[in-house]
Structure formats: structure tokens, C-alpha cells
Amino acid sequence: MSTLSAAQRGTIQLAYYAGPTHFEVSAYLGIPGPTPRTRIRDGIKHLETSLRDV
């Protein structure tokens, strides 16, 4: 997780560990509705790539 951007890491942690919906995450962070989904998708792709390189 440390290789992710702060925005991606925070969004993923909030969404997966706290359990709110993407809409609730966007409201909490004050960002547009689709942004949490994009950050989560991009962060997971980055993690997958990082793990493949190990």
C-alpha cells in the first residue's frame, strides 16, 4: 500500500476498511461521485503490477 498515492491509499482504506458506499466515500472526501471508483480501480491495478514484479 505504501507505493500508492496518498489519495488512492486513503480512498481504498476508507472504502474497504470502513465499509461505506462509493457515494458515501465521495461525500466524505468532498470529491465527485465517480472519483472514488476510479481511485480504487487505479490503485488496485497498481498493486497488482507491484505484486507481479516481486
Protein backbone atom coordinates (compact mmCIF):
# COMPACT_ATOMS: atom_id res chain seq x y z
CA MET A 1 0.00 0.00 0.00
CA SER A 2 2.92 2.35 0.56
CA THR A 3 3.55 2.55 -3.20
CA LEU A 4 0.12 4.10 -3.83
CA SER A 5 -0.54 7.81 -3.95
CA ALA A 6 -1.95 9.29 -0.78
CA ALA A 7 -5.32 9.83 -2.50
CA GLN A 8 -5.52 6.22 -3.70
CA ARG A 9 -4.38 4.80 -0.37
CA GLY A 10 -6.83 6.90 1.63
CA THR A 11 -9.76 6.09 -0.63
CA ILE A 12 -9.04 2.36 -0.61
CA GLN A 13 -8.59 2.29 3.16
CA LEU A 14 -11.81 4.21 3.71
CA ALA A 15 -13.83 2.14 1.24
CA TYR A 16 -12.62 -1.30 2.26
CA TYR A 17 -11.95 -0.95 5.97
CA ALA A 18 -14.79 1.38 6.97
CA GLY A 19 -17.32 -0.10 4.53
CA PRO A 20 -19.22 2.92 3.15
CA THR A 21 -20.59 3.03 -0.38
CA HIS A 22 -18.70 4.86 -3.14
CA PHE A 23 -21.28 7.65 -2.87
CA GLU A 24 -20.63 7.98 0.87
CA VAL A 25 -16.86 7.99 0.27
CA SER A 26 -17.20 10.78 -2.30
CA ALA A 27 -19.37 12.83 0.06
CA TYR A 28 -16.97 12.28 2.98
CA LEU A 29 -13.92 13.26 0.91
CA GLY A 30 -15.73 16.08 -0.89
CA ILE A 31 -14.91 14.72 -4.35
CA PRO A 32 -17.11 13.99 -7.42
CA GLY A 33 -19.19 10.79 -7.34
CA PRO A 34 -17.18 8.61 -9.76
CA THR A 35 -13.76 9.60 -8.37
CA PRO A 36 -13.60 7.00 -5.54
CA ARG A 37 -14.30 4.20 -8.01
CA THR A 38 -11.54 5.49 -10.32
CA ARG A 39 -9.03 5.82 -7.47
CA ILE A 40 -9.83 2.34 -6.20
CA ARG A 41 -9.58 0.80 -9.68
CA ASP A 42 -6.29 2.53 -10.46
CA GLY A 43 -4.87 1.70 -7.02
CA ILE A 44 -5.73 -1.98 -7.32
CA LYS A 45 -4.16 -2.13 -10.80
CA HIS A 46 -1.02 -0.53 -9.38
CA LEU A 47 -0.91 -3.05 -6.52
CA GLU A 48 -1.39 -5.96 -8.93
CA THR A 49 1.52 -4.74 -11.05
CA SER A 50 3.69 -4.25 -7.98
CA LEU A 51 2.97 -7.76 -6.75
CA ARG A 52 3.72 -9.30 -10.15
CA ASP A 53 7.14 -7.63 -10.16
CA VAL A 54 8.12 -9.21 -6.83
